């Protein structure tokens, strides 16, 4: 008898329906009263043509969207041990191989969900990342390589809209976005290759590569559990923090007016965690890793221009008012322009 035979109730949880790796994510109740999170991973069908979509699953263990990476992560005792004492944690998990993929039976973690983090929770997460990443790269057969370049290059958006006057005249854009944003985004797009090379030349470390509030729960003990390790692998120092801060704002879990406050708390705490973990690199390298990661979002502004005229808008599957959504994202995008400019200045001084 398997765990599926003991399930008495199930409820679907939010996940990216476009990602071909994930077949389903559910919270299930077992007959003995326990609750678990059941996540089914889907392997590419044998003998079928490979999908060319941006969320295509891969059999390559180094690919950014390798279908079985998360199962391998949960079976990796070295990775789990490396989190001990850092302030980070993995959920307990049992991996079951099934036809066409694998099923993860994960702990239903109790605590404060990342969507409800206050500034102290965000700082604790960043400090934990610093202590963990002070250990340097993690060599394992499943670790992803060149994630930032591959992921950002896989987004398919109408890039031409960045230079389209009519696109910038749409009411949600015209009425909310700072006037300097268009020229600033032009600078970011022109610097894409330089920013990618800069990030790739920074000190390497172990990275989660999808650190954001929907993948975080802070236990009552204080440790922050990181969920969804599907992209984990090699990254630059600071890269995870550079993902965590903007994503919290883009999906309306942190006010854009306090972007700078969140940035300062996370960067400062991350640096402190690195020092506690014995890392001896320079602070400017860390800031460069955070700021240059803005290149990950190069595709987002043209996508928002493309969707500005839609009748309905959403932020992380929740309905959102167009004016508020575009105002918040416009401010956040402007901060990423600042990150781009600061990254280029820091890189020029190296």
Protein backbone atom coordinates (compact mmCIF):
# COMPACT_ATOMS: atom_id res chain seq x y z
CA UNK A 1 0.00 0.00 0.00
CA UNK A 2 1.36 3.40 -0.99
CA UNK A 3 0.67 6.84 0.40
CA UNK A 4 -1.84 7.52 -2.37
CA UNK A 5 -3.98 4.74 -0.91
CA UNK A 6 -4.13 6.61 2.41
CA UNK A 7 -5.30 9.96 1.01
CA UNK A 8 -8.74 10.91 2.35
CA UNK A 9 -8.95 14.46 0.97
CA UNK A 10 -6.99 16.71 -1.36
CA UNK A 11 -6.92 20.38 -2.37
CA UNK A 12 -5.02 21.84 -5.31
CA UNK A 13 -2.30 24.38 -4.50
CA UNK A 14 -1.06 27.21 -6.71
CA UNK A 15 1.70 26.42 -9.16
CA UNK A 16 2.83 27.50 -12.59
CA UNK A 17 0.54 25.60 -15.01
CA UNK A 18 2.86 26.43 -17.93
CA UNK A 19 5.82 24.57 -16.46
CA UNK A 20 5.86 21.13 -18.06
CA UNK A 21 7.86 19.69 -15.14
CA UNK A 22 5.00 19.98 -12.64
CA UNK A 23 1.93 17.82 -13.21
CA UNK A 24 0.17 18.80 -9.97
CA UNK A 25 0.68 20.21 -6.46
CA UNK A 26 -1.84 19.32 -3.77
CA UNK A 27 -2.29 19.46 -0.02
CA UNK A 28 -3.53 16.02 0.96
CA UNK A 29 -5.04 14.72 4.19
CA UNK A 30 -4.19 11.16 5.15
CA UNK A 31 -6.42 8.74 7.00
CA UNK A 32 -4.15 8.97 10.06
CA UNK A 33 -4.76 12.75 10.38
CA UNK A 34 -1.51 13.98 8.85
CA UNK A 35 -1.36 16.51 6.05
CA UNK A 36 1.33 16.47 3.38
CA UNK A 37 2.07 18.35 0.18
CA UNK A 38 1.99 16.02 -2.81
CA UNK A 39 3.92 17.28 -5.84
CA UNK A 40 4.03 15.22 -9.00
CA UNK A 41 6.95 15.72 -11.38
CA UNK A 42 6.45 14.82 -15.01
CA UNK A 43 9.20 13.42 -17.23
CA UNK A 44 9.24 14.25 -20.94
CA UNK A 45 7.41 11.47 -22.77
CA UNK A 46 9.85 8.92 -24.15
CA UNK A 47 10.10 9.02 -27.93
CA UNK A 48 8.03 12.20 -28.26
CA UNK A 49 9.43 15.39 -29.81
CA UNK A 50 10.92 17.76 -27.28
CA UNK A 51 8.75 20.77 -26.52
CA UNK A 52 10.22 24.06 -27.62
CA UNK A 53 8.13 26.17 -25.26
CA UNK A 54 9.76 28.43 -22.66
CA UNK A 55 8.77 26.05 -19.85
CA UNK A 56 9.76 22.81 -21.60
CA UNK A 57 10.98 20.03 -19.34
CA UNK A 58 14.43 18.59 -19.96
CA UNK A 59 16.15 15.24 -19.34
CA UNK A 60 19.50 17.06 -19.09
CA UNK A 61 20.45 17.26 -15.39
CA UNK A 62 22.34 20.51 -16.04
CA UNK A 63 19.44 22.21 -17.83
CA UNK A 64 17.73 24.98 -15.85
CA UNK A 65 14.39 23.12 -16.11
CA UNK A 66 15.54 19.54 -15.56
CA UNK A 67 12.39 17.58 -14.71
CA UNK A 68 13.83 15.49 -11.86
CA UNK A 69 16.10 18.02 -10.16
CA UNK A 70 13.80 18.60 -7.20
CA UNK A 71 13.60 14.87 -6.49
CA UNK A 72 17.41 14.69 -6.61
CA UNK A 73 17.68 17.66 -4.24
CA UNK A 74 15.53 15.98 -1.61
CA UNK A 75 17.63 12.82 -1.84
CA UNK A 76 20.93 14.69 -1.52
CA UNK A 77 22.15 14.30 2.06
CA UNK A 78 25.09 16.66 1.47
CA UNK A 79 22.77 19.49 0.46
CA UNK A 80 20.44 18.92 3.40
CA UNK A 81 23.40 18.79 5.79
CA UNK A 82 24.83 22.00 4.35
CA UNK A 83 21.74 23.89 5.56
CA UNK A 84 22.16 22.87 9.20
CA UNK A 85 22.93 25.85 11.42
CA UNK A 86 22.47 28.42 8.65
CA UNK A 87 18.91 29.49 9.49
CA UNK A 88 17.59 27.77 6.35
CA UNK A 89 15.91 24.40 6.01
CA UNK A 90 14.38 21.92 3.56
CA UNK A 91 11.00 20.30 4.17
CA UNK A 92 11.08 16.64 5.10
CA UNK A 93 10.31 14.65 1.97
CA UNK A 94 9.78 11.13 0.70
CA UNK A 95 10.43 10.59 -3.02
CA UNK A 96 8.39 7.97 -4.87
CA UNK A 97 9.27 6.91 -8.40
CA UNK A 98 6.18 6.43 -10.59
CA UNK A 99 5.50 5.74 -14.25
CA UNK A 100 6.22 8.91 -16.19
CA UNK A 101 7.93 10.79 -13.36
CA UNK A 102 8.17 11.01 -9.59
CA UNK A 103 6.03 12.09 -6.64
CA UNK A 104 7.33 14.18 -3.77
CA UNK A 105 5.50 13.65 -0.46
CA UNK A 106 6.62 16.73 1.44
CA UNK A 107 6.14 18.04 4.93
CA UNK A 108 3.28 20.54 5.16
CA UNK A 109 5.43 23.19 6.81
CA UNK A 110 3.84 25.21 9.59
CA UNK A 111 4.83 28.82 10.21
CA UNK A 112 4.65 32.28 8.65
CA UNK A 113 4.30 32.10 4.88
CA UNK A 114 6.63 34.36 2.90
CA UNK A 115 3.67 36.33 1.56
CA UNK A 116 3.23 37.64 5.10
CA UNK A 117 6.88 38.28 5.99
CA UNK A 118 7.74 41.48 7.81
CA UNK A 119 11.10 43.19 7.41
CA UNK A 120 12.69 41.06 10.14
CA UNK A 121 11.59 37.85 8.39
CA UNK A 122 13.06 39.04 5.08
CA UNK A 123 16.32 39.94 6.83
CA UNK A 124 16.44 36.50 8.51
CA UNK A 125 16.01 34.83 5.12
CA UNK A 126 18.83 36.90 3.61
CA UNK A 127 21.16 36.21 6.53
CA UNK A 128 20.48 32.49 6.19
CA UNK A 129 21.30 32.64 2.50
CA UNK A 130 24.59 34.35 3.36
CA UNK A 131 25.61 31.70 5.92
CA UNK A 132 24.71 28.90 3.52
CA UNK A 133 26.33 30.42 0.44
CA UNK A 134 29.54 31.21 2.29
CA UNK A 135 30.25 27.49 1.79
CA UNK A 136 30.79 28.09 -1.92
CA UNK A 137 29.72 25.96 -4.89
CA UNK A 138 28.03 22.61 -4.44
CA UNK A 139 29.19 19.98 -6.90
CA UNK A 140 26.48 17.41 -7.55
CA UNK A 141 25.30 15.64 -10.72
CA UNK A 142 21.95 17.45 -10.62
CA UNK A 143 23.07 21.07 -10.23
CA UNK A 144 21.96 23.51 -12.94
CA UNK A 145 24.47 25.52 -14.93
CA UNK A 146 24.16 28.96 -16.58
CA UNK A 147 20.65 29.42 -15.17
CA UNK A 148 20.48 33.20 -15.47
CA UNK A 149 21.45 33.31 -19.14
CA UNK A 150 19.31 30.32 -20.13
CA UNK A 151 16.19 31.33 -18.20
CA UNK A 152 16.22 34.98 -19.19
CA UNK A 153 16.88 34.05 -22.81
CA UNK A 154 13.93 31.65 -22.92
CA UNK A 155 11.26 34.32 -22.34
CA UNK A 156 9.32 35.07 -25.52
CA UNK A 157 7.96 38.61 -25.50
CA UNK A 158 7.34 41.40 -28.05
CA UNK A 159 10.63 43.23 -27.59
CA UNK A 160 9.68 45.74 -30.27
CA UNK A 161 7.07 47.32 -27.97
CA UNK A 162 9.84 48.99 -25.95
CA UNK A 163 10.26 51.36 -28.92
CA UNK A 164 6.55 51.65 -29.73
CA UNK A 165 5.06 55.06 -28.89
CA UNK A 166 1.51 53.71 -28.88
CA UNK A 167 2.42 51.03 -26.35
CA UNK A 168 3.67 53.71 -23.94
CA UNK A 169 0.46 55.74 -24.41
CA UNK A 170 -1.76 53.00 -22.96
CA UNK A 171 -3.52 54.38 -19.86
CA UNK A 172 -2.06 52.01 -17.22
CA UNK A 173 1.43 52.79 -18.54
CA UNK A 174 1.00 56.48 -19.36
CA UNK A 175 -0.72 57.27 -16.05
CA UNK A 176 1.57 55.39 -13.66
CA UNK A 177 5.06 54.77 -15.01
CA UNK A 178 7.85 57.27 -14.27
CA UNK A 179 8.81 59.31 -17.32
CA UNK A 180 12.43 58.18 -17.03
CA UNK A 181 11.59 54.48 -17.27
CA UNK A 182 11.57 54.18 -21.06
CA UNK A 183 15.09 55.50 -21.52
CA UNK A 184 16.28 53.58 -18.47
CA UNK A 185 14.96 50.29 -19.79
CA UNK A 186 16.66 51.02 -23.05
CA UNK A 187 19.96 51.20 -21.17
CA UNK A 188 19.23 47.91 -19.42
CA UNK A 189 18.45 46.15 -22.69
CA UNK A 190 21.57 47.55 -24.33
CA UNK A 191 23.63 46.22 -21.39
CA UNK A 192 22.12 42.72 -21.28
CA UNK A 193 25.18 40.86 -22.50
CA UNK A 194 27.50 42.89 -20.29
CA UNK A 195 25.33 42.25 -17.24
CA UNK A 196 25.16 38.52 -17.97
CA UNK A 197 28.94 38.30 -18.40
CA UNK A 198 29.45 40.29 -15.22
CA UNK A 199 27.24 37.92 -13.24
CA UNK A 200 28.97 34.90 -14.73
CA UNK A 201 32.41 36.22 -13.73
CA UNK A 202 31.55 36.82 -10.08
CA UNK A 203 32.48 34.32 -7.33
CA UNK A 204 30.37 31.18 -7.67
CA UNK A 205 28.26 29.59 -4.98
CA UNK A 206 25.39 27.21 -4.33
CA UNK A 207 22.07 28.85 -5.19
CA UNK A 208 18.39 28.05 -4.91
CA UNK A 209 17.64 30.28 -7.94
CA UNK A 210 13.93 30.72 -7.19
CA UNK A 211 14.05 32.50 -3.85
CA UNK A 212 10.86 34.48 -3.46
CA UNK A 213 8.07 34.75 -0.93
CA UNK A 214 5.85 31.98 -2.35
CA UNK A 215 8.71 29.52 -1.77
CA UNK A 216 9.42 30.52 1.85
CA UNK A 217 7.95 29.61 5.23
CA UNK A 218 9.47 30.69 8.53
CA UNK A 219 9.13 28.02 11.20
CA UNK A 220 8.27 28.98 14.80
CA UNK A 221 11.92 28.05 15.55
CA UNK A 222 13.06 30.90 13.29
CA UNK A 223 14.50 28.82 10.45
CA UNK A 224 13.25 29.69 6.96
CA UNK A 225 12.20 26.67 4.92
CA UNK A 226 12.86 27.02 1.19
CA UNK A 227 10.46 25.22 -1.13
CA UNK A 228 10.62 24.43 -4.86
CA UNK A 229 14.28 23.64 -5.55
CA UNK A 230 13.61 22.91 -9.22
CA UNK A 231 16.26 25.35 -10.55
CA UNK A 232 18.94 24.91 -7.87
CA UNK A 233 22.60 24.89 -8.82
CA UNK A 234 25.47 27.19 -9.65
CA UNK A 235 24.96 30.95 -9.31
CA UNK A 236 26.74 34.16 -8.43
CA UNK A 237 27.15 35.46 -4.93
CA UNK A 238 24.20 37.82 -4.36
CA UNK A 239 22.09 36.36 -7.17
CA UNK A 240 19.43 34.83 -4.91
CA UNK A 241 18.94 38.11 -3.04
CA UNK A 242 18.65 39.87 -6.39
CA UNK A 243 15.68 37.61 -7.16
CA UNK A 244 14.01 37.75 -3.76
CA UNK A 245 13.66 41.53 -3.46
CA UNK A 246 12.06 42.44 -6.83
CA UNK A 247 9.77 39.41 -6.91
CA UNK A 248 8.24 40.37 -3.56
CA UNK A 249 7.27 43.73 -5.05
CA UNK A 250 6.23 42.61 -8.53
CA UNK A 251 3.57 40.29 -7.14
CA UNK A 252 2.31 42.87 -4.61
CA UNK A 253 3.56 41.15 -1.46
CA UNK A 254 5.72 44.17 -0.52
CA UNK A 255 4.92 47.83 -1.33
CA UNK A 256 7.02 49.33 -4.10
CA UNK A 257 7.34 52.52 -2.06
CA UNK A 258 9.44 50.48 0.41
CA UNK A 259 11.58 48.73 -2.22
CA UNK A 260 14.72 50.52 -1.03
CA UNK A 261 14.06 49.55 2.58
CA UNK A 262 13.68 45.88 1.67
CA UNK A 263 16.78 46.02 -0.52
CA UNK A 264 18.91 47.58 2.23
CA UNK A 265 17.73 45.11 4.89
CA UNK A 266 18.34 42.08 2.68
CA UNK A 267 21.71 43.14 1.29
CA UNK A 268 23.01 44.15 4.73
CA UNK A 269 21.79 40.91 6.34
CA UNK A 270 23.12 38.81 3.48
CA UNK A 271 26.57 40.38 3.83
CA UNK A 272 26.48 39.76 7.59
CA UNK A 273 25.52 36.13 7.00
CA UNK A 274 28.35 35.65 4.52
CA UNK A 275 30.82 37.03 7.08
CA UNK A 276 29.41 34.75 9.80
CA UNK A 277 29.90 31.81 7.45
CA UNK A 278 33.56 32.71 6.88
CA UNK A 279 33.30 34.33 3.46
CA UNK A 280 36.14 36.81 2.90
CA UNK A 281 35.21 38.42 -0.42
CA UNK A 282 34.50 42.10 -0.95
CA UNK A 283 31.21 43.85 -0.25
CA UNK A 284 31.21 45.39 -3.72
CA UNK A 285 31.25 41.91 -5.26
CA UNK A 286 28.09 41.09 -3.33
CA UNK A 287 26.33 44.30 -4.33
CA UNK A 288 27.38 43.71 -7.93
CA UNK A 289 25.88 40.21 -7.79
CA UNK A 290 22.60 41.60 -6.48
CA UNK A 291 22.39 44.55 -8.87
CA UNK A 292 23.52 42.80 -12.06
CA UNK A 293 20.80 40.19 -11.53
CA UNK A 294 18.35 42.83 -12.79
CA UNK A 295 19.08 41.36 -16.22
CA UNK A 296 16.81 38.43 -15.32
CA UNK A 297 13.81 40.76 -15.70
CA UNK A 298 14.72 42.33 -19.05
CA UNK A 299 11.70 40.63 -20.63
CA UNK A 300 9.17 41.83 -18.04
CA UNK A 301 8.66 45.40 -19.23
CA UNK A 302 7.81 44.46 -22.85
CA UNK A 303 5.44 41.80 -21.50
CA UNK A 304 3.68 44.41 -19.35
CA UNK A 305 3.39 46.72 -22.35
CA UNK A 306 1.82 43.87 -24.29
CA UNK A 307 -0.74 43.17 -21.57
CA UNK A 308 -1.58 46.73 -20.58
CA UNK A 309 -4.81 46.77 -22.59
CA UNK A 310 -6.22 43.56 -21.10
CA UNK A 311 -9.65 43.67 -19.49
CA UNK A 312 -8.45 41.84 -16.39
CA UNK A 313 -5.15 41.80 -14.54
CA UNK A 314 -3.66 39.55 -11.91
CA UNK A 315 -0.66 39.31 -9.61
CA UNK A 316 0.33 35.77 -8.69
CA UNK A 317 -3.08 34.35 -9.65
CA UNK A 318 -4.98 37.01 -7.69
CA UNK A 319 -7.13 39.65 -9.44
CA UNK A 320 -5.48 43.08 -9.33
CA UNK A 321 -6.54 46.62 -10.18
CA UNK A 322 -4.71 47.69 -13.33
CA UNK A 323 -3.79 51.17 -12.07
CA UNK A 324 -2.39 49.86 -8.77
CA UNK A 325 -0.59 46.93 -10.40
CA UNK A 326 1.11 49.06 -13.05
CA UNK A 327 1.99 51.78 -10.55
CA UNK A 328 3.69 49.26 -8.25
CA UNK A 329 5.48 47.47 -11.04
CA UNK A 330 6.54 50.74 -12.66
CA UNK A 331 8.25 51.81 -9.44
CA UNK A 332 9.90 48.41 -9.10
CA UNK A 333 11.12 48.49 -12.71
CA UNK A 334 12.62 51.92 -12.05
CA UNK A 335 14.56 50.44 -9.14
CA UNK A 336 15.90 47.78 -11.49
CA UNK A 337 17.10 50.53 -13.83
CA UNK A 338 18.97 51.94 -10.84
CA UNK A 339 20.39 48.47 -10.19
CA UNK A 340 21.55 48.30 -13.80
CA UNK A 341 23.26 51.68 -13.58
CA UNK A 342 24.92 50.81 -10.26
CA UNK A 343 26.03 47.42 -11.55
CA UNK A 344 27.66 49.00 -14.60
CA UNK A 345 29.41 51.55 -12.40
CA UNK A 346 30.67 48.87 -10.02
CA UNK A 347 31.83 46.68 -12.90
CA UNK A 348 33.75 49.58 -14.42
CA UNK A 349 35.72 49.98 -11.19
CA UNK A 350 36.78 46.32 -10.97
